[in-house]
Amino acid sequence: MFTLVLVLVASYLLGSIPFGYLAGRTAGIDIRKAGSGNIGATNVVRVLGKRYGYPVFVLDFLKGLGGVKISIAIATAMRPEWGSLEMFGVLAAASSVIGHSFPPWLNFRGGKGVATSAGALFGLMPVATLIGVAIWMLVFWFTRYVSVASVAAAVALPLVIFIMTRPDQSEGNALFYSSVGIAAVVIWQHRSNLSRLMHGREPRFKRK
């Protein structure tokens, strides 16, 4: 039980590091009061440009990936009596995304969770995650809406994982249900974007 608590706390705290907010502070602004008010990479790109936005995306991705890898390393070192290494990785993935979306340092108001989800799931199923990234890129190319692409990828990824694992064992089930939970968090965090889409007010990236 101690190993489980340690894994969940470590991955949550790593996921909760608000790189977008810190980037804004470095540039002298509160990113929560600019653009869409979100601390994620998309809003950082819109407000501060690629110089800040791209590093934020990479760091958000890495904290998801790092949460999974560090948690597996912890479980390997402590050798808990129950649960597989994959199971601890799955729980860490979900905890990292929750930490990013609901950080205690910002009154539990964080980012959308897309980059962190991608990093966490890449640490568990890289091929499935790359398929999800391809879906994101395809939808974004046609719509120019980051939110639409993100929701589409969030919906598609559990289906991809289901097809690839055909959950008939504990690890496969854990991966699938974890991806469903992560997708639910991502979609929930995009509820304001979906509302703006319905009213025709959602900003889109223009083609250059």
N, C-alpha and C. Protein backbone atom coordinates (compact mmCIF):
# COMPACT_ATOMS: atom_id res chain seq x y z
N MET A 1 0.83 -1.21 0.00
CA MET A 1 0.00 0.00 0.00
C MET A 1 0.87 1.26 0.00
N PHE A 2 1.98 1.22 0.75
CA PHE A 2 2.86 2.39 0.79
C PHE A 2 3.40 2.71 -0.60
N THR A 3 3.76 1.67 -1.36
CA THR A 3 4.27 1.89 -2.71
C THR A 3 3.22 2.54 -3.59
N LEU A 4 1.98 2.10 -3.48
CA LEU A 4 0.89 2.68 -4.27
C LEU A 4 0.71 4.15 -3.94
N VAL A 5 0.68 4.48 -2.65
CA VAL A 5 0.51 5.88 -2.24
C VAL A 5 1.68 6.72 -2.74
N LEU A 6 2.89 6.20 -2.63
CA LEU A 6 4.07 6.93 -3.08
C LEU A 6 4.01 7.19 -4.57
N VAL A 7 3.61 6.19 -5.34
CA VAL A 7 3.50 6.34 -6.80
C VAL A 7 2.46 7.39 -7.16
N LEU A 8 1.30 7.32 -6.52
CA LEU A 8 0.22 8.26 -6.84
C LEU A 8 0.60 9.69 -6.46
N VAL A 9 1.20 9.86 -5.29
CA VAL A 9 1.58 11.20 -4.84
C VAL A 9 2.70 11.77 -5.72
N ALA A 10 3.70 10.96 -6.02
CA ALA A 10 4.83 11.43 -6.83
C ALA A 10 4.38 11.83 -8.23
N SER A 11 3.56 11.01 -8.86
CA SER A 11 3.11 11.33 -10.22
C SER A 11 2.15 12.52 -10.22
N TYR A 12 1.33 12.63 -9.18
CA TYR A 12 0.42 13.78 -9.09
C TYR A 12 1.21 15.07 -8.93
N LEU A 13 2.18 15.09 -8.04
CA LEU A 13 2.96 16.30 -7.80
C LEU A 13 3.78 16.69 -9.03
N LEU A 14 4.34 15.70 -9.72
CA LEU A 14 5.08 16.00 -10.95
C LEU A 14 4.14 16.58 -12.00
N GLY A 15 2.97 15.97 -12.14
CA GLY A 15 1.99 16.46 -13.11
C GLY A 15 1.47 17.85 -12.78
N SER A 16 1.50 18.21 -11.50
CA SER A 16 0.92 19.49 -11.08
C SER A 16 1.84 20.69 -11.31
N ILE A 17 3.08 20.46 -11.73
CA ILE A 17 3.98 21.59 -11.98
C ILE A 17 3.42 22.43 -13.13
N PRO A 18 3.04 23.68 -12.89
CA PRO A 18 2.35 24.50 -13.91
C PRO A 18 3.32 25.23 -14.83
N PHE A 19 3.90 24.51 -15.79
CA PHE A 19 4.91 25.11 -16.64
C PHE A 19 4.37 26.30 -17.45
N GLY A 20 3.12 26.22 -17.88
CA GLY A 20 2.54 27.34 -18.62
C GLY A 20 2.44 28.59 -17.77
N TYR A 21 2.01 28.42 -16.53
CA TYR A 21 1.93 29.55 -15.60
C TYR A 21 3.31 30.12 -15.33
N LEU A 22 4.29 29.24 -15.12
CA LEU A 22 5.66 29.69 -14.85
C LEU A 22 6.26 30.41 -16.05
N ALA A 23 5.93 29.94 -17.26
CA ALA A 23 6.41 30.62 -18.47
C ALA A 23 5.83 32.03 -18.55
N GLY A 24 4.55 32.16 -18.20
CA GLY A 24 3.94 33.48 -18.19
C GLY A 24 4.60 34.41 -17.18
N ARG A 25 4.89 33.88 -16.01
CA ARG A 25 5.56 34.69 -14.99
C ARG A 25 6.94 35.13 -15.47
N THR A 26 7.63 34.24 -16.17
CA THR A 26 8.94 34.59 -16.72
C THR A 26 8.83 35.74 -17.70
N ALA A 27 7.72 35.76 -18.45
CA ALA A 27 7.50 36.83 -19.43
C ALA A 27 6.84 38.06 -18.81
N GLY A 28 6.54 38.00 -17.52
CA GLY A 28 5.98 39.15 -16.82
C GLY A 28 4.47 39.26 -16.86
N ILE A 29 3.77 38.15 -17.19
CA ILE A 29 2.30 38.20 -17.20
C ILE A 29 1.74 36.99 -16.45
N ASP A 30 0.48 37.12 -16.06
CA ASP A 30 -0.26 36.00 -15.49
C ASP A 30 -1.06 35.38 -16.62
N ILE A 31 -0.63 34.22 -17.11
CA ILE A 31 -1.27 33.61 -18.27
C ILE A 31 -2.73 33.30 -18.02
N ARG A 32 -3.12 33.20 -16.75
CA ARG A 32 -4.52 32.93 -16.41
C ARG A 32 -5.43 34.11 -16.70
N LYS A 33 -4.81 35.29 -16.90
CA LYS A 33 -5.59 36.50 -17.17
C LYS A 33 -5.40 36.99 -18.60
N ALA A 34 -4.87 36.12 -19.46
CA ALA A 34 -4.64 36.49 -20.86
C ALA A 34 -5.18 35.41 -21.78
N GLY A 35 -5.61 35.81 -22.96
CA GLY A 35 -6.13 34.84 -23.92
C GLY A 35 -7.34 34.12 -23.37
N SER A 36 -7.30 32.80 -23.45
CA SER A 36 -8.41 31.98 -22.94
C SER A 36 -8.35 31.80 -21.43
N GLY A 37 -7.24 32.20 -20.82
CA GLY A 37 -7.08 32.05 -19.38
C GLY A 37 -6.55 30.69 -18.96
N ASN A 38 -6.28 29.83 -19.94
CA ASN A 38 -5.78 28.50 -19.63
C ASN A 38 -4.26 28.51 -19.54
N ILE A 39 -3.70 27.62 -18.73
CA ILE A 39 -2.25 27.60 -18.54
C ILE A 39 -1.55 26.64 -19.51
N GLY A 40 -2.31 26.03 -20.41
CA GLY A 40 -1.74 25.06 -21.33
C GLY A 40 -0.94 25.68 -22.45
N ALA A 41 -0.26 24.82 -23.22
CA ALA A 41 0.65 25.28 -24.27
C ALA A 41 -0.06 26.06 -25.36
N THR A 42 -1.29 25.68 -25.69
CA THR A 42 -2.01 26.37 -26.77
C THR A 42 -2.20 27.84 -26.44
N ASN A 43 -2.65 28.13 -25.23
CA ASN A 43 -2.86 29.52 -24.84
C ASN A 43 -1.53 30.26 -24.71
N VAL A 44 -0.49 29.55 -24.27
CA VAL A 44 0.83 30.18 -24.18
C VAL A 44 1.32 30.56 -25.57
N VAL A 45 1.11 29.70 -26.56
CA VAL A 45 1.49 30.04 -27.94
C VAL A 45 0.73 31.26 -28.42
N ARG A 46 -0.57 31.32 -28.16
CA ARG A 46 -1.39 32.45 -28.61
C ARG A 46 -0.95 33.76 -27.95
N VAL A 47 -0.63 33.70 -26.68
CA VAL A 47 -0.33 34.92 -25.93
C VAL A 47 1.14 35.31 -26.03
N LEU A 48 2.03 34.34 -25.88
CA LEU A 48 3.46 34.64 -25.80
C LEU A 48 4.25 34.20 -27.03
N GLY A 49 3.63 33.41 -27.89
CA GLY A 49 4.33 32.95 -29.09
C GLY A 49 4.98 31.59 -28.93
N LYS A 50 5.53 31.09 -30.03
CA LYS A 50 6.12 29.75 -30.05
C LYS A 50 7.34 29.64 -29.14
N ARG A 51 8.05 30.73 -28.96
CA ARG A 51 9.26 30.70 -28.12
C ARG A 51 8.95 30.17 -26.73
N TYR A 52 7.79 30.51 -26.21
CA TYR A 52 7.38 30.04 -24.89
C TYR A 52 6.47 28.82 -24.99
N GLY A 53 5.58 28.83 -25.98
CA GLY A 53 4.57 27.78 -26.07
C GLY A 53 5.12 26.40 -26.36
N TYR A 54 6.07 26.30 -27.28
CA TYR A 54 6.61 24.99 -27.62
C TYR A 54 7.36 24.33 -26.46
N PRO A 55 8.22 25.08 -25.74
CA PRO A 55 8.86 24.47 -24.56
C PRO A 55 7.85 24.02 -23.51
N VAL A 56 6.76 24.79 -23.34
CA VAL A 56 5.73 24.40 -22.38
C VAL A 56 5.11 23.08 -22.79
N PHE A 57 4.82 22.92 -24.08
CA PHE A 57 4.25 21.66 -24.56
C PHE A 57 5.20 20.50 -24.26
N VAL A 58 6.47 20.68 -24.58
CA VAL A 58 7.46 19.61 -24.36
C VAL A 58 7.55 19.26 -22.88
N LEU A 59 7.59 20.27 -22.02
CA LEU A 59 7.69 20.02 -20.58
C LEU A 59 6.43 19.35 -20.04
N ASP A 60 5.26 19.77 -20.52
CA ASP A 60 4.02 19.12 -20.09
C ASP A 60 3.99 17.66 -20.55
N PHE A 61 4.47 17.41 -21.76
CA PHE A 61 4.57 16.04 -22.26
C PHE A 61 5.51 15.21 -21.39
N LEU A 62 6.65 15.79 -21.06
CA LEU A 62 7.67 15.06 -20.30
C LEU A 62 7.23 14.76 -18.87
N LYS A 63 6.41 15.63 -18.28
CA LYS A 63 5.99 15.31 -16.91
C LYS A 63 4.99 14.15 -16.89
N GLY A 64 4.22 13.97 -17.98
CA GLY A 64 3.39 12.78 -18.08
C GLY A 64 4.22 11.54 -18.28
N LEU A 65 5.17 11.62 -19.21
CA LEU A 65 6.07 10.50 -19.46
C LEU A 65 6.92 10.19 -18.23
N GLY A 66 7.44 11.24 -17.61
CA GLY A 66 8.27 11.06 -16.42
C GLY A 66 7.51 10.46 -15.26
N GLY A 67 6.25 10.86 -15.10
CA GLY A 67 5.44 10.30 -14.02
C GLY A 67 5.31 8.79 -14.14
N VAL A 68 5.12 8.32 -15.37
CA VAL A 68 4.99 6.88 -15.61
C VAL A 68 6.31 6.17 -15.36
N LYS A 69 7.38 6.69 -15.96
CA LYS A 69 8.68 6.01 -15.85
C LYS A 69 9.22 6.03 -14.42
N ILE A 70 9.07 7.16 -13.73
CA ILE A 70 9.54 7.24 -12.34
C ILE A 70 8.75 6.29 -11.45
N SER A 71 7.44 6.22 -11.67
CA SER A 71 6.60 5.35 -10.85
C SER A 71 6.94 3.88 -11.07
N ILE A 72 7.20 3.51 -12.32
CA ILE A 72 7.61 2.13 -12.59
C ILE A 72 8.95 1.83 -11.92
N ALA A 73 9.85 2.82 -11.93
CA ALA A 73 11.15 2.65 -11.27
C ALA A 73 10.98 2.48 -9.76
N ILE A 74 10.06 3.27 -9.18
CA ILE A 74 9.78 3.16 -7.74
C ILE A 74 9.25 1.77 -7.41
N ALA A 75 8.27 1.33 -8.22
CA ALA A 75 7.68 0.01 -7.98
C ALA A 75 8.71 -1.10 -8.16
N THR A 76 9.60 -0.93 -9.14
CA THR A 76 10.65 -1.93 -9.36
C THR A 76 11.59 -2.02 -8.16
N ALA A 77 11.94 -0.86 -7.61
CA ALA A 77 12.88 -0.82 -6.48
C ALA A 77 12.25 -1.35 -5.20
N MET A 78 10.95 -1.06 -5.00
CA MET A 78 10.32 -1.41 -3.73
C MET A 78 9.67 -2.80 -3.75
N ARG A 79 9.48 -3.35 -4.95
CA ARG A 79 8.96 -4.71 -5.10
C ARG A 79 7.71 -4.95 -4.26
N PRO A 80 6.61 -4.27 -4.56
CA PRO A 80 5.38 -4.47 -3.79
C PRO A 80 4.85 -5.89 -3.95
N GLU A 81 4.09 -6.33 -2.96
CA GLU A 81 3.59 -7.71 -2.97
C GLU A 81 2.45 -7.91 -3.95
N TRP A 82 1.80 -6.84 -4.37
CA TRP A 82 0.69 -6.99 -5.30
C TRP A 82 0.85 -6.00 -6.45
N GLY A 83 0.20 -6.30 -7.56
CA GLY A 83 0.21 -5.40 -8.70
C GLY A 83 1.44 -5.55 -9.57
N SER A 84 1.25 -5.45 -10.88
CA SER A 84 2.36 -5.53 -11.82
C SER A 84 2.97 -4.14 -12.03
N LEU A 85 4.13 -4.10 -12.66
CA LEU A 85 4.75 -2.82 -12.98
C LEU A 85 3.86 -2.02 -13.92
N GLU A 86 3.22 -2.72 -14.86
CA GLU A 86 2.33 -2.03 -15.80
C GLU A 86 1.17 -1.38 -15.07
N MET A 87 0.66 -2.05 -14.05
CA MET A 87 -0.46 -1.51 -13.28
C MET A 87 -0.06 -0.21 -12.58
N PHE A 88 1.13 -0.19 -12.00
CA PHE A 88 1.60 1.03 -11.35
C PHE A 88 1.80 2.14 -12.38
N GLY A 89 2.28 1.79 -13.57
CA GLY A 89 2.44 2.78 -14.63
C GLY A 89 1.12 3.37 -15.06
N VAL A 90 0.10 2.53 -15.16
CA VAL A 90 -1.24 2.99 -15.56
C VAL A 90 -1.80 3.96 -14.52
N LEU A 91 -1.68 3.61 -13.25
CA LEU A 91 -2.17 4.48 -12.18
C LEU A 91 -1.41 5.80 -12.15
N ALA A 92 -0.11 5.74 -12.40
CA ALA A 92 0.70 6.96 -12.44
C ALA A 92 0.30 7.85 -13.60
N ALA A 93 -0.03 7.25 -14.73
CA ALA A 93 -0.47 8.03 -15.90
C ALA A 93 -1.71 8.85 -15.56
N ALA A 94 -2.69 8.19 -14.97
CA ALA A 94 -3.92 8.89 -14.60
C ALA A 94 -3.65 9.96 -13.56
N SER A 95 -2.80 9.66 -12.59
CA SER A 95 -2.49 10.62 -11.53
C SER A 95 -1.75 11.84 -12.07
N SER A 96 -0.87 11.64 -13.04
CA SER A 96 -0.14 12.76 -13.65
C SER A 96 -1.09 13.72 -14.35
N VAL A 97 -2.05 13.16 -15.09
CA VAL A 97 -3.01 13.99 -15.82
C VAL A 97 -3.90 14.75 -14.85
N ILE A 98 -4.33 14.08 -13.79
CA ILE A 98 -5.15 14.75 -12.77
C ILE A 98 -4.35 15.88 -12.12
N GLY A 99 -3.07 15.65 -11.86
CA GLY A 99 -2.23 16.69 -11.28
C GLY A 99 -2.12 17.90 -12.19
N HIS A 100 -1.97 17.65 -13.50
CA HIS A 100 -1.87 18.76 -14.46
C HIS A 100 -3.18 19.54 -14.54
N SER A 101 -4.29 18.82 -14.57
CA SER A 101 -5.58 19.48 -14.74
C SER A 101 -6.09 20.13 -13.46
N PHE A 102 -5.67 19.60 -12.31
CA PHE A 102 -6.15 20.12 -11.02
C PHE A 102 -4.98 20.32 -10.05
N PRO A 103 -4.10 21.31 -10.34
CA PRO A 103 -2.93 21.54 -9.49
C PRO A 103 -3.30 22.29 -8.21
N PRO A 104 -2.83 21.84 -7.06
CA PRO A 104 -3.16 22.52 -5.80
C PRO A 104 -2.59 23.93 -5.72
N TRP A 105 -1.51 24.19 -6.45
CA TRP A 105 -0.85 25.50 -6.39
C TRP A 105 -1.66 26.60 -7.07
N LEU A 106 -2.60 26.22 -7.94
CA LEU A 106 -3.40 27.21 -8.68
C LEU A 106 -4.88 27.00 -8.41
N ASN A 107 -5.19 26.67 -7.16
CA ASN A 107 -6.58 26.47 -6.75
C ASN A 107 -7.27 25.40 -7.59
N PHE A 108 -6.51 24.38 -7.98
CA PHE A 108 -7.03 23.23 -8.73
C PHE A 108 -7.60 23.61 -10.09
N ARG A 109 -7.08 24.69 -10.66
CA ARG A 109 -7.50 25.10 -12.00
C ARG A 109 -6.28 25.04 -12.92
N GLY A 110 -6.15 23.95 -13.64
CA GLY A 110 -4.98 23.73 -14.47
C GLY A 110 -5.27 23.72 -15.95
N GLY A 111 -4.47 22.96 -16.69
CA GLY A 111 -4.59 22.91 -18.14
C GLY A 111 -5.57 21.86 -18.60
N LYS A 112 -5.65 21.71 -19.92
CA LYS A 112 -6.59 20.77 -20.52
C LYS A 112 -6.12 19.33 -20.41
N GLY A 113 -4.83 19.13 -20.27
CA GLY A 113 -4.31 17.78 -20.07
C GLY A 113 -3.89 17.04 -21.31
N VAL A 114 -3.90 17.70 -22.47
CA VAL A 114 -3.61 17.00 -23.73
C VAL A 114 -2.14 16.56 -23.80
N ALA A 115 -1.22 17.50 -23.61
CA ALA A 115 0.20 17.17 -23.71
C ALA A 115 0.63 16.18 -22.63
N THR A 116 0.15 16.37 -21.41
CA THR A 116 0.50 15.46 -20.32
C THR A 116 -0.08 14.08 -20.55
N SER A 117 -1.31 14.02 -21.07
CA SER A 117 -1.92 12.73 -21.42
C SER A 117 -1.11 12.02 -22.48
N ALA A 118 -0.68 12.77 -23.49
CA ALA A 118 0.11 12.18 -24.57
C ALA A 118 1.41 11.60 -24.02
N GLY A 119 2.07 12.34 -23.13
CA GLY A 119 3.31 11.86 -22.55
C GLY A 119 3.11 10.63 -21.69
N ALA A 120 2.06 10.65 -20.86
CA ALA A 120 1.79 9.52 -19.98
C ALA A 120 1.46 8.26 -20.77
N LEU A 121 0.58 8.40 -21.76
CA LEU A 121 0.19 7.24 -22.55
C LEU A 121 1.32 6.77 -23.46
N PHE A 122 2.18 7.69 -23.89
CA PHE A 122 3.34 7.30 -24.69
C PHE A 122 4.26 6.39 -23.87
N GLY A 123 4.34 6.66 -22.58
CA GLY A 123 5.16 5.82 -21.71
C GLY A 123 4.61 4.42 -21.54
N LEU A 124 3.32 4.25 -21.82
CA LEU A 124 2.68 2.94 -21.68
C LEU A 124 2.50 2.23 -23.01
N MET A 125 1.99 2.97 -24.01
CA MET A 125 1.73 2.39 -25.33
C MET A 125 2.14 3.39 -26.41
N PRO A 126 3.41 3.44 -26.74
CA PRO A 126 3.90 4.45 -27.70
C PRO A 126 3.24 4.37 -29.07
N VAL A 127 3.01 3.17 -29.59
CA VAL A 127 2.42 3.05 -30.93
C VAL A 127 1.00 3.60 -30.94
N ALA A 128 0.20 3.21 -29.95
CA ALA A 128 -1.17 3.71 -29.87
C ALA A 128 -1.19 5.22 -29.71
N THR A 129 -0.27 5.75 -28.92
CA THR A 129 -0.21 7.20 -28.72
C THR A 129 0.16 7.92 -30.01
N LEU A 130 1.09 7.36 -30.77
CA LEU A 130 1.47 7.98 -32.05
C LEU A 130 0.29 7.97 -33.02
N ILE A 131 -0.53 6.94 -32.97
CA ILE A 131 -1.75 6.92 -33.80
C ILE A 131 -2.68 8.04 -33.35
N GLY A 132 -2.80 8.23 -32.03
CA GLY A 132 -3.61 9.32 -31.51
C GLY A 132 -3.08 10.68 -31.94
N VAL A 133 -1.76 10.84 -31.95
CA VAL A 133 -1.15 12.08 -32.41
C VAL A 133 -1.45 12.31 -33.88
N ALA A 134 -1.39 11.24 -34.68
CA ALA A 134 -1.70 11.35 -36.11
C ALA A 134 -3.15 11.79 -36.32
N ILE A 135 -4.06 11.27 -35.49
CA ILE A 135 -5.47 11.68 -35.57
C ILE A 135 -5.60 13.15 -35.21
N TRP A 136 -4.89 13.56 -34.16
CA TRP A 136 -4.91 14.97 -33.76
C TRP A 136 -4.45 15.86 -34.91
N MET A 137 -3.35 15.51 -35.52
CA MET A 137 -2.79 16.33 -36.60
C MET A 137 -3.73 16.38 -37.80
N LEU A 138 -4.35 15.26 -38.13
CA LEU A 138 -5.26 15.21 -39.27
C LEU A 138 -6.48 16.10 -39.03
N VAL A 139 -7.08 15.98 -37.84
CA VAL A 139 -8.26 16.79 -37.53
C VAL A 139 -7.90 18.26 -37.47
N PHE A 140 -6.75 18.57 -36.87
CA PHE A 140 -6.33 19.97 -36.80
C PHE A 140 -6.07 20.54 -38.19
N TRP A 141 -5.48 19.74 -39.06
CA TRP A 141 -5.18 20.20 -40.42
C TRP A 141 -6.45 20.64 -41.15
N PHE A 142 -7.52 19.88 -40.97
CA PHE A 142 -8.76 20.18 -41.68
C PHE A 142 -9.60 21.25 -40.98
N THR A 143 -9.57 21.31 -39.65
CA THR A 143 -10.45 22.23 -38.93
C THR A 143 -9.75 23.48 -38.43
N ARG A 144 -8.45 23.40 -38.14
CA ARG A 144 -7.65 24.47 -37.54
C ARG A 144 -8.09 24.78 -36.11
N TYR A 145 -8.87 23.89 -35.52
CA TYR A 145 -9.27 24.04 -34.12
C TYR A 145 -8.46 23.07 -33.26
N VAL A 146 -7.67 23.60 -32.34
CA VAL A 146 -6.92 22.74 -31.42
C VAL A 146 -7.88 21.94 -30.55
N SER A 147 -8.94 22.59 -30.10
CA SER A 147 -9.89 21.92 -29.21
C SER A 147 -10.58 20.75 -29.89
N VAL A 148 -10.98 20.91 -31.13
CA VAL A 148 -11.64 19.83 -31.86
C VAL A 148 -10.67 18.67 -32.06
N ALA A 149 -9.44 18.99 -32.43
CA ALA A 149 -8.43 17.94 -32.63
C ALA A 149 -8.15 17.20 -31.33
N SER A 150 -8.09 17.94 -30.23
CA SER A 150 -7.80 17.33 -28.93
C SER A 150 -8.92 16.40 -28.48
N VAL A 151 -10.16 16.84 -28.63
CA VAL A 151 -11.30 16.01 -28.23
C VAL A 151 -11.39 14.78 -29.13
N ALA A 152 -11.15 14.97 -30.43
CA ALA A 152 -11.19 13.83 -31.36
C ALA A 152 -10.14 12.79 -31.00
N ALA A 153 -8.93 13.24 -30.68
CA ALA A 153 -7.87 12.30 -30.29
C ALA A 153 -8.20 11.62 -28.97
N ALA A 154 -8.79 12.38 -28.04
CA ALA A 154 -9.16 11.82 -26.73
C ALA A 154 -10.21 10.72 -26.88
N VAL A 155 -11.15 10.92 -27.80
CA VAL A 155 -12.19 9.92 -28.04
C VAL A 155 -11.61 8.70 -28.76
N ALA A 156 -10.72 8.95 -29.72
CA ALA A 156 -10.19 7.87 -30.55
C ALA A 156 -9.20 6.97 -29.83
N LEU A 157 -8.40 7.56 -28.94
CA LEU A 157 -7.30 6.79 -28.34
C LEU A 157 -7.77 5.57 -27.55
N PRO A 158 -8.82 5.67 -26.71
CA PRO A 158 -9.28 4.45 -26.03
C PRO A 158 -9.71 3.36 -27.01
N LEU A 159 -10.31 3.76 -28.13
CA LEU A 159 -10.71 2.78 -29.14
C LEU A 159 -9.48 2.11 -29.75
N VAL A 160 -8.45 2.91 -30.02
CA VAL A 160 -7.20 2.36 -30.57
C VAL A 160 -6.58 1.37 -29.57
N ILE A 161 -6.55 1.76 -28.30
CA ILE A 161 -5.97 0.89 -27.28
C ILE A 161 -6.79 -0.38 -27.13
N PHE A 162 -8.11 -0.26 -27.21
CA PHE A 162 -8.97 -1.44 -27.11
C PHE A 162 -8.68 -2.42 -28.24
N ILE A 163 -8.55 -1.89 -29.45
CA ILE A 163 -8.27 -2.75 -30.61
C ILE A 163 -6.90 -3.40 -30.49
N MET A 164 -5.92 -2.64 -30.00
CA MET A 164 -4.55 -3.16 -29.93
C MET A 164 -4.34 -4.15 -28.78
N THR A 165 -5.07 -3.97 -27.68
CA THR A 165 -4.86 -4.84 -26.52
C THR A 165 -5.92 -5.91 -26.38
N ARG A 166 -7.11 -5.65 -26.97
CA ARG A 166 -8.24 -6.57 -26.80
C ARG A 166 -8.32 -7.01 -25.34
N PRO A 167 -8.73 -6.08 -24.47
CA PRO A 167 -8.61 -6.31 -23.02
C PRO A 167 -9.22 -7.63 -22.55
N ASP A 168 -8.38 -8.61 -22.34
CA ASP A 168 -8.83 -9.89 -21.82
C ASP A 168 -7.94 -10.33 -20.65
N GLN A 169 -7.13 -9.39 -20.17
CA GLN A 169 -6.29 -9.64 -19.01
C GLN A 169 -6.19 -8.35 -18.21
N SER A 170 -5.66 -8.43 -17.00
CA SER A 170 -5.68 -7.27 -16.10
C SER A 170 -4.96 -6.07 -16.68
N GLU A 171 -3.78 -6.29 -17.31
CA GLU A 171 -3.03 -5.16 -17.86
C GLU A 171 -3.79 -4.49 -18.99
N GLY A 172 -4.37 -5.30 -19.88
CA GLY A 172 -5.14 -4.74 -20.99
C GLY A 172 -6.33 -3.97 -20.51
N ASN A 173 -7.04 -4.51 -19.53
CA ASN A 173 -8.19 -3.81 -18.96
C ASN A 173 -7.76 -2.51 -18.31
N ALA A 174 -6.66 -2.56 -17.57
CA ALA A 174 -6.18 -1.36 -16.88
C ALA A 174 -5.81 -0.27 -17.87
N LEU A 175 -5.11 -0.63 -18.94
CA LEU A 175 -4.74 0.34 -19.97
C LEU A 175 -5.97 0.97 -20.60
N PHE A 176 -6.93 0.13 -20.95
CA PHE A 176 -8.14 0.63 -21.61
C PHE A 176 -8.92 1.56 -20.69
N TYR A 177 -9.20 1.12 -19.48
CA TYR A 177 -10.01 1.94 -18.58
C TYR A 177 -9.28 3.20 -18.14
N SER A 178 -7.96 3.11 -18.03
CA SER A 178 -7.19 4.32 -17.72
C SER A 178 -7.30 5.32 -18.86
N SER A 179 -7.22 4.84 -20.10
CA SER A 179 -7.33 5.75 -21.25
C SER A 179 -8.72 6.37 -21.32
N VAL A 180 -9.74 5.61 -20.94
CA VAL A 180 -11.10 6.15 -20.90
C VAL A 180 -11.20 7.25 -19.85
N GLY A 181 -10.62 7.00 -18.67
CA GLY A 181 -10.64 8.01 -17.62
C GLY A 181 -9.88 9.27 -18.01
N ILE A 182 -8.71 9.09 -18.62
CA ILE A 182 -7.93 10.24 -19.08
C ILE A 182 -8.68 11.01 -20.14
N ALA A 183 -9.33 10.29 -21.07
CA ALA A 183 -10.12 10.95 -22.11
C ALA A 183 -11.26 11.76 -21.50
N ALA A 184 -11.88 11.21 -20.45
CA ALA A 184 -12.98 11.92 -19.79
C ALA A 184 -12.49 13.23 -19.17
N VAL A 185 -11.30 13.19 -18.55
CA VAL A 185 -10.73 14.41 -17.96
C VAL A 185 -10.45 15.44 -19.04
N VAL A 186 -9.84 15.00 -20.15
CA VAL A 186 -9.51 15.92 -21.25
C VAL A 186 -10.77 16.55 -21.83
N ILE A 187 -11.79 15.74 -22.07
CA ILE A 187 -13.04 16.28 -22.63
C ILE A 187 -13.70 17.23 -21.64
N TRP A 188 -13.71 16.88 -20.36
CA TRP A 188 -14.29 17.76 -19.34
C TRP A 188 -13.57 19.10 -19.30
N GLN A 189 -12.26 19.08 -19.41
CA GLN A 189 -11.48 20.31 -19.39
C GLN A 189 -11.71 21.16 -20.65
N HIS A 190 -12.28 20.56 -21.68
CA HIS A 190 -12.57 21.30 -22.92
C HIS A 190 -14.03 21.75 -23.00
N ARG A 191 -14.76 21.66 -21.91
CA ARG A 191 -16.19 21.99 -21.97
C ARG A 191 -16.43 23.43 -22.37
N SER A 192 -15.57 24.36 -21.93
CA SER A 192 -15.75 25.77 -22.33
C SER A 192 -15.47 25.94 -23.81
N ASN A 193 -14.48 25.20 -24.33
CA ASN A 193 -14.18 25.25 -25.76
C ASN A 193 -15.36 24.73 -26.58
N LEU A 194 -15.96 23.64 -26.12
CA LEU A 194 -17.10 23.07 -26.84
C LEU A 194 -18.27 24.03 -26.83
N SER A 195 -18.45 24.74 -25.71
CA SER A 195 -19.52 25.74 -25.64
C SER A 195 -19.27 26.87 -26.63
N ARG A 196 -18.02 27.34 -26.72
CA ARG A 196 -17.70 28.40 -27.67
C ARG A 196 -17.86 27.91 -29.11
N LEU A 197 -17.54 26.65 -29.36
CA LEU A 197 -17.73 26.10 -30.70
C LEU A 197 -19.20 26.13 -31.10
N MET A 198 -20.05 25.77 -30.17
CA MET A 198 -21.49 25.75 -30.45
C MET A 198 -22.02 27.13 -30.75
N HIS A 199 -21.38 28.16 -30.19
CA HIS A 199 -21.83 29.53 -30.40
C HIS A 199 -20.97 30.28 -31.41
N GLY A 200 -20.06 29.56 -32.06
CA GLY A 200 -19.24 30.17 -33.11
C GLY A 200 -18.20 31.15 -32.61
N ARG A 201 -17.74 30.98 -31.37
CA ARG A 201 -16.79 31.93 -30.80
C ARG A 201 -15.42 31.30 -30.51
N GLU A 202 -15.24 30.06 -30.88
CA GLU A 202 -13.97 29.40 -30.60
C GLU A 202 -12.90 29.87 -31.60
N PRO A 203 -11.77 30.40 -31.12
CA PRO A 203 -10.71 30.85 -32.04
C PRO A 203 -10.03 29.67 -32.72
N ARG A 204 -9.62 29.89 -33.96
CA ARG A 204 -8.90 28.85 -34.68
C ARG A 204 -7.58 29.41 -35.18
N PHE A 205 -6.63 28.53 -35.40
CA PHE A 205 -5.35 28.95 -35.94
C PHE A 205 -5.47 29.14 -37.44
N LYS A 206 -5.01 30.28 -37.92
CA LYS A 206 -5.10 30.57 -39.35
C LYS A 206 -3.97 29.89 -40.09
N ARG A 207 -4.26 29.51 -41.32
CA ARG A 207 -3.22 28.94 -42.18
C ARG A 207 -2.28 30.05 -42.63
N LYS A 208 -0.99 29.74 -42.64
CA LYS A 208 -0.01 30.74 -43.07
C LYS A 208 0.25 30.61 -44.56
